[in-house]
N, C-alpha and C. Protein backbone atom coordinates (compact mmCIF):
# COMPACT_ATOMS: atom_id res chain seq x y z
N MET A 1 43.12 31.70 84.92
CA MET A 1 42.85 32.16 86.21
C MET A 1 43.55 33.52 86.49
N ALA A 2 42.85 33.84 87.44
CA ALA A 2 43.43 35.33 87.95
C ALA A 2 44.39 34.72 89.18
N GLU A 3 45.47 35.96 89.03
CA GLU A 3 46.81 36.01 89.64
C GLU A 3 46.00 35.39 90.76
N GLU A 4 46.69 34.61 92.52
CA GLU A 4 46.75 34.32 93.37
C GLU A 4 47.55 35.17 94.60
N TYR A 5 48.45 35.47 94.12
CA TYR A 5 49.47 35.81 94.66
C TYR A 5 50.24 37.00 94.26
N PRO A 6 51.05 38.08 94.83
CA PRO A 6 51.96 39.03 93.85
C PRO A 6 52.92 38.99 93.34
N SER A 7 53.02 38.63 92.16
CA SER A 7 53.70 37.84 91.23
C SER A 7 54.83 38.79 91.07
N SER A 8 54.49 40.46 90.33
CA SER A 8 55.90 41.17 90.69
C SER A 8 55.67 41.76 92.57
N ALA A 9 55.68 41.62 92.77
CA ALA A 9 56.63 42.02 94.98
C ALA A 9 57.29 40.75 94.52
N TYR A 10 56.67 39.40 94.23
CA TYR A 10 57.36 38.46 94.68
C TYR A 10 58.86 38.56 93.82
N ILE A 11 58.87 39.03 92.34
CA ILE A 11 59.83 38.68 91.58
C ILE A 11 61.18 39.56 92.01
N LEU A 12 60.13 40.99 92.53
CA LEU A 12 60.93 42.54 92.87
C LEU A 12 61.76 41.99 94.37
N THR A 13 60.72 41.42 94.85
CA THR A 13 61.75 40.82 96.21
C THR A 13 62.80 39.73 96.27
N LEU A 14 62.86 38.69 95.19
CA LEU A 14 63.43 37.63 95.50
C LEU A 14 64.59 38.16 94.76
N ILE A 15 64.94 38.78 93.13
CA ILE A 15 65.86 39.62 92.72
C ILE A 15 66.01 40.36 93.89
N GLY A 16 65.98 41.31 94.39
CA GLY A 16 67.15 42.05 95.20
C GLY A 16 67.22 41.37 96.38
N GLY A 17 67.14 40.34 96.67
CA GLY A 17 67.18 39.18 97.90
C GLY A 17 68.55 38.88 97.54
N ILE A 18 68.52 37.56 95.81
CA ILE A 18 69.75 37.57 95.70
C ILE A 18 70.54 38.69 95.39
N LEU A 19 70.23 39.79 94.29
CA LEU A 19 71.35 40.83 94.36
C LEU A 19 71.75 41.29 95.66
N ALA A 20 71.55 41.02 96.89
CA ALA A 20 71.87 41.24 98.83
C ALA A 20 73.14 40.80 98.30
N ILE A 21 72.76 39.87 98.57
CA ILE A 21 73.59 38.63 99.04
C ILE A 21 75.37 37.99 97.98
N VAL A 22 74.84 38.54 96.49
CA VAL A 22 75.68 38.33 95.86
C VAL A 22 77.00 39.48 95.54
N ILE A 23 76.53 40.94 95.60
CA ILE A 23 76.88 42.02 95.98
C ILE A 23 77.59 42.44 96.96
N GLY A 24 76.58 42.02 98.00
CA GLY A 24 77.14 42.49 99.39
C GLY A 24 78.66 41.77 100.02
N MET A 25 78.51 40.15 99.40
CA MET A 25 79.76 39.56 99.70
C MET A 25 81.02 39.35 99.81
N PRO A 26 81.10 40.46 98.18
CA PRO A 26 82.43 40.74 98.20
C PRO A 26 82.94 42.09 99.01
N VAL A 27 81.57 43.52 98.43
CA VAL A 27 81.69 44.34 99.25
C VAL A 27 82.37 44.31 100.73
N ALA A 28 81.52 43.06 101.28
CA ALA A 28 81.85 42.86 102.93
C ALA A 28 83.11 42.09 102.55
N PHE A 29 83.92 41.11 101.91
CA PHE A 29 85.21 41.00 101.68
C PHE A 29 86.17 41.92 101.74
N PHE A 30 85.97 42.68 100.87
CA PHE A 30 87.12 43.73 100.80
C PHE A 30 86.62 44.94 101.39
N GLY A 31 86.16 45.05 102.39
CA GLY A 31 85.56 45.96 103.21
C GLY A 31 86.39 45.72 104.44
N MET A 32 86.34 44.52 104.99
CA MET A 32 86.73 43.65 105.67
C MET A 32 88.62 43.32 105.58
N LEU A 33 88.45 43.33 104.63
CA LEU A 33 90.01 43.30 104.10
C LEU A 33 91.03 44.52 104.16
N PHE A 34 90.55 45.81 103.91
CA PHE A 34 90.59 47.15 103.32
C PHE A 34 90.66 48.29 104.89
N SER A 35 89.36 47.65 105.89
CA SER A 35 89.45 47.93 107.13
C SER A 35 90.65 48.10 108.32
N LEU A 36 89.80 48.47 109.75
CA LEU A 36 91.51 48.31 110.64
C LEU A 36 91.14 46.94 111.02
N PRO A 37 92.45 46.10 111.64
CA PRO A 37 92.46 44.39 111.65
C PRO A 37 91.67 44.64 112.71
N THR A 38 90.53 44.63 113.21
CA THR A 38 89.88 44.25 114.33
C THR A 38 88.45 42.94 113.89
N PHE A 39 88.58 42.10 114.84
CA PHE A 39 87.77 41.36 114.13
C PHE A 39 85.97 41.46 114.44
N GLY A 40 85.56 41.93 114.70
CA GLY A 40 83.98 42.20 115.26
C GLY A 40 83.48 43.27 113.78
N LEU A 41 84.65 44.01 113.58
CA LEU A 41 84.15 45.09 112.17
C LEU A 41 84.52 44.21 110.94
N GLY A 42 84.47 43.12 111.12
CA GLY A 42 85.40 42.06 110.04
C GLY A 42 83.48 41.46 109.84
N GLY A 43 83.57 40.88 111.07
CA GLY A 43 81.84 39.94 111.25
C GLY A 43 81.11 40.34 110.69
N VAL A 44 80.76 41.89 111.52
CA VAL A 44 79.76 42.78 110.85
C VAL A 44 79.86 43.02 109.41
N CYS A 45 81.26 42.60 109.22
CA CYS A 45 80.69 43.17 107.37
C CYS A 45 80.07 42.00 106.09
N PHE A 46 80.08 40.69 107.17
CA PHE A 46 80.11 39.72 106.45
C PHE A 46 78.18 39.75 106.95
N VAL A 47 77.98 39.70 108.45
CA VAL A 47 76.75 39.10 108.92
C VAL A 47 75.74 40.27 108.33
N ILE A 48 75.74 41.35 107.90
CA ILE A 48 75.07 42.62 107.83
C ILE A 48 73.90 42.38 106.06
N PRO A 49 75.20 42.19 105.25
CA PRO A 49 74.39 41.15 103.87
C PRO A 49 73.87 40.46 103.52
N LEU A 50 74.23 39.07 104.89
CA LEU A 50 73.85 37.98 104.58
C LEU A 50 72.12 37.85 105.17
N ILE A 51 72.22 39.00 106.27
CA ILE A 51 71.03 38.75 107.29
C ILE A 51 70.08 39.35 106.07
N GLY A 52 70.53 40.20 105.36
CA GLY A 52 69.69 41.15 104.13
C GLY A 52 69.24 40.63 103.05
N GLY A 53 70.34 39.80 103.00
CA GLY A 53 69.54 38.79 101.57
C GLY A 53 68.86 37.72 101.50
N ILE A 54 69.29 36.61 103.04
CA ILE A 54 68.24 35.80 103.43
C ILE A 54 67.02 35.90 103.67
N LEU A 55 66.73 37.62 104.61
CA LEU A 55 65.57 38.25 105.02
C LEU A 55 64.61 38.22 103.62
N GLY A 56 65.30 38.71 102.45
CA GLY A 56 64.81 39.17 101.37
C GLY A 56 64.45 37.30 100.58
N VAL A 57 64.73 37.35 100.66
CA VAL A 57 64.72 35.64 99.96
C VAL A 57 63.69 34.89 100.63
N LEU A 58 63.51 35.47 101.60
CA LEU A 58 62.01 34.71 102.65
C LEU A 58 61.44 35.14 101.73
N ALA A 59 61.39 36.57 102.26
CA ALA A 59 60.13 37.32 102.00
C ALA A 59 59.41 37.36 100.53
N ALA A 60 60.31 37.03 99.53
CA ALA A 60 59.73 36.47 98.58
C ALA A 60 59.28 35.25 98.33
N THR A 61 60.17 33.74 99.69
CA THR A 61 59.24 32.93 99.02
C THR A 61 57.89 32.47 99.90
N TRP A 62 57.98 33.61 100.93
CA TRP A 62 56.22 33.74 101.51
C TRP A 62 55.18 34.39 101.26
N MET A 63 55.85 35.36 99.90
CA MET A 63 54.84 35.82 98.91
C MET A 63 53.93 35.01 98.56
N LYS A 64 54.67 33.87 98.16
CA LYS A 64 53.63 33.08 97.42
C LYS A 64 52.55 32.00 98.05
N ASP A 65 52.36 32.68 99.62
CA ASP A 65 50.87 31.90 100.30
C ASP A 65 50.71 32.81 100.27
N PRO A 66 49.76 33.64 99.80
CA PRO A 66 48.95 34.82 99.98
C PRO A 66 48.34 35.04 101.44
N GLY A 67 47.57 34.25 102.78
CA GLY A 67 48.39 34.32 103.41
C GLY A 67 49.14 35.52 104.51
N LYS A 68 49.68 35.14 103.99
CA LYS A 68 51.73 35.94 104.28
C LYS A 68 52.39 36.86 103.58
N VAL A 69 51.43 37.63 102.92
CA VAL A 69 52.17 38.37 101.94
C VAL A 69 51.83 39.63 102.79
N LYS A 70 51.18 40.59 103.39
CA LYS A 70 51.73 41.38 104.70
C LYS A 70 53.51 40.98 105.41
N THR A 71 53.45 39.97 105.79
CA THR A 71 54.85 39.32 106.61
C THR A 71 56.00 39.72 105.74
N GLY A 72 56.42 38.90 104.44
CA GLY A 72 56.63 39.21 103.64
C GLY A 72 56.86 40.38 103.37
N GLY A 73 56.65 41.08 103.22
CA GLY A 73 56.41 42.91 102.69
C GLY A 73 56.86 43.31 104.08
N VAL A 74 56.28 43.13 104.92
CA VAL A 74 57.32 43.89 106.06
C VAL A 74 58.72 43.60 106.24
N LEU A 75 59.19 42.05 106.11
CA LEU A 75 60.38 41.38 106.01
C LEU A 75 60.91 42.00 104.53
N ALA A 76 60.41 42.44 103.28
CA ALA A 76 61.09 43.10 102.63
C ALA A 76 61.81 44.04 102.88
N ILE A 77 60.98 45.14 103.80
CA ILE A 77 61.54 46.15 103.88
C ILE A 77 62.84 46.14 104.74
N ILE A 78 62.32 45.46 105.53
CA ILE A 78 63.42 45.16 107.11
C ILE A 78 64.30 44.79 106.20
N ALA A 79 64.56 44.04 105.15
CA ALA A 79 65.63 43.38 104.41
C ALA A 79 66.57 44.55 103.72
N ALA A 80 65.79 45.41 103.55
CA ALA A 80 66.28 46.72 102.55
C ALA A 80 67.12 47.32 103.05
N PHE A 81 66.74 47.63 104.24
CA PHE A 81 67.51 48.40 105.52
C PHE A 81 69.00 47.62 105.95
N LEU A 82 68.43 46.65 106.26
CA LEU A 82 69.66 45.68 106.47
C LEU A 82 70.61 45.28 105.59
N GLY A 83 70.41 44.77 104.59
CA GLY A 83 71.40 44.54 103.71
C GLY A 83 71.42 45.70 102.38
N SER A 84 71.71 46.49 103.04
CA SER A 84 71.22 48.00 101.68
C SER A 84 73.04 48.34 101.34
N VAL A 85 73.74 46.97 100.98
CA VAL A 85 75.02 47.66 100.23
C VAL A 85 74.85 47.70 98.97
N GLY A 86 74.19 47.82 98.17
CA GLY A 86 73.93 47.65 96.32
C GLY A 86 72.44 48.93 96.64
N VAL A 87 72.53 49.74 95.75
CA VAL A 87 71.12 50.76 95.86
C VAL A 87 70.08 49.69 94.84
N ILE A 88 70.52 48.79 93.92
CA ILE A 88 69.42 48.59 93.22
C ILE A 88 68.99 47.24 94.09
N SER A 89 69.37 46.49 94.99
CA SER A 89 68.98 45.61 95.23
C SER A 89 68.09 45.80 96.69
N PHE A 90 68.42 47.87 97.05
CA PHE A 90 68.20 47.96 98.28
C PHE A 90 66.33 48.70 97.76
N ILE A 91 66.22 49.13 95.87
CA ILE A 91 64.98 49.83 95.58
C ILE A 91 64.58 49.05 94.92
N LEU A 92 64.68 47.59 94.69
CA LEU A 92 64.25 46.57 94.87
C LEU A 92 63.33 45.72 95.95
N MET A 93 63.55 45.94 97.11
CA MET A 93 63.31 44.79 98.00
C MET A 93 62.35 46.14 98.30
N ILE A 94 62.72 47.25 98.59
CA ILE A 94 61.67 48.44 98.95
C ILE A 94 60.70 48.23 98.47
N ILE A 95 60.18 48.82 96.82
CA ILE A 95 59.71 48.23 96.01
C ILE A 95 58.81 46.56 96.34
N GLY A 96 59.27 45.50 95.94
CA GLY A 96 58.70 44.62 96.23
C GLY A 96 58.05 44.68 97.46
N GLY A 97 58.39 45.41 98.48
CA GLY A 97 57.92 45.05 99.96
C GLY A 97 56.66 45.80 99.82
N ILE A 98 56.49 47.11 99.45
CA ILE A 98 55.62 47.71 99.54
C ILE A 98 54.46 47.52 98.39
N LEU A 99 55.11 46.81 97.63
CA LEU A 99 53.59 45.82 96.63
C LEU A 99 52.91 45.35 97.38
N ALA A 100 53.71 44.32 98.24
CA ALA A 100 52.97 43.37 98.83
C ALA A 100 52.23 44.04 99.99
N LEU A 101 52.37 44.80 100.75
CA LEU A 101 51.83 45.30 101.53
C LEU A 101 50.35 45.15 100.81
N THR A 102 50.71 46.15 99.00
CA THR A 102 49.03 46.70 99.08
C THR A 102 48.82 45.90 98.00
N TRP A 103 49.13 45.04 98.05
CA TRP A 103 48.50 43.80 96.87
C TRP A 103 46.95 43.65 97.97
N THR A 104 46.22 43.22 97.11
CA THR A 104 45.07 42.78 97.96
C THR A 104 44.74 41.09 96.78
N PRO A 105 43.68 40.35 97.09
CA PRO A 105 43.85 39.26 96.55
C PRO A 105 42.61 39.24 95.53
N PRO A 106 42.67 38.66 94.20
CA PRO A 106 41.31 38.74 93.49
C PRO A 106 40.06 38.51 94.62
N PRO A 107 39.12 39.07 94.21
CA PRO A 107 37.59 38.47 94.59
C PRO A 107 37.62 37.32 94.00
N ARG A 108 36.80 36.39 94.64
CA ARG A 108 36.24 35.35 94.41
C ARG A 108 34.78 35.39 93.76
N VAL A 109 34.74 34.78 92.36
CA VAL A 109 33.62 34.79 91.46
C VAL A 109 33.36 33.40 91.87
N THR A 110 31.73 33.29 92.34
CA THR A 110 31.60 31.93 92.51
C THR A 110 30.22 31.91 90.99
N PRO A 111 30.46 30.53 90.60
CA PRO A 111 29.14 30.74 89.59
C PRO A 111 27.80 30.81 89.85
N PRO A 112 27.26 31.23 88.76
CA PRO A 112 25.55 30.75 89.36
C PRO A 112 25.01 29.81 89.76
N PRO A 113 24.11 29.16 90.42
CA PRO A 113 23.66 28.56 90.44
C PRO A 113 22.95 27.84 89.06
N PRO A 114 22.55 26.00 89.19
CA PRO A 114 22.19 25.49 88.09
C PRO A 114 20.60 25.74 88.14
N PRO A 115 19.68 26.29 86.69
CA PRO A 115 18.39 26.20 86.83
C PRO A 115 17.68 25.05 87.56
N PRO A 116 16.97 25.34 87.92
CA PRO A 116 15.91 24.01 88.57
C PRO A 116 15.90 23.40 87.87
N PRO A 117 15.34 22.20 87.64
CA PRO A 117 15.38 20.87 86.54
C PRO A 117 13.64 21.22 86.08
N GLY A 118 13.99 20.92 84.72
CA GLY A 118 12.35 21.43 84.13
C GLY A 118 12.84 22.69 83.33
N GLN A 119 13.84 23.39 83.70
CA GLN A 119 13.52 25.26 83.09
C GLN A 119 15.07 25.03 82.25
N GLN A 120 14.90 25.64 81.42
CA GLN A 120 15.84 25.91 80.47
C GLN A 120 16.37 27.14 79.87
């Protein structure tokens, strides 16, 4: 059976979103710990990688539905810029988003009609 969704875009975006969360939270914690003691900066340090990671994972799940591939690709590119604490997660989500935006569904192949009765 042919590929029904952009699997390479799905995998790259999912890995990029998970890496944005896993790498972004410790970086945000230490950034908040060693920054100026303001509460506003600490909240931003945690929110940005969290939003980027969540958008990346959400974009990857939307890519499983062929009707929402373009929306998932746009979300993956937005998430790459929001959760860009890690270079690897940024690159994976950008490539995954571009692959999702350029993906076209495979053409439907209909089987030929059966021959009329009495002919073989």
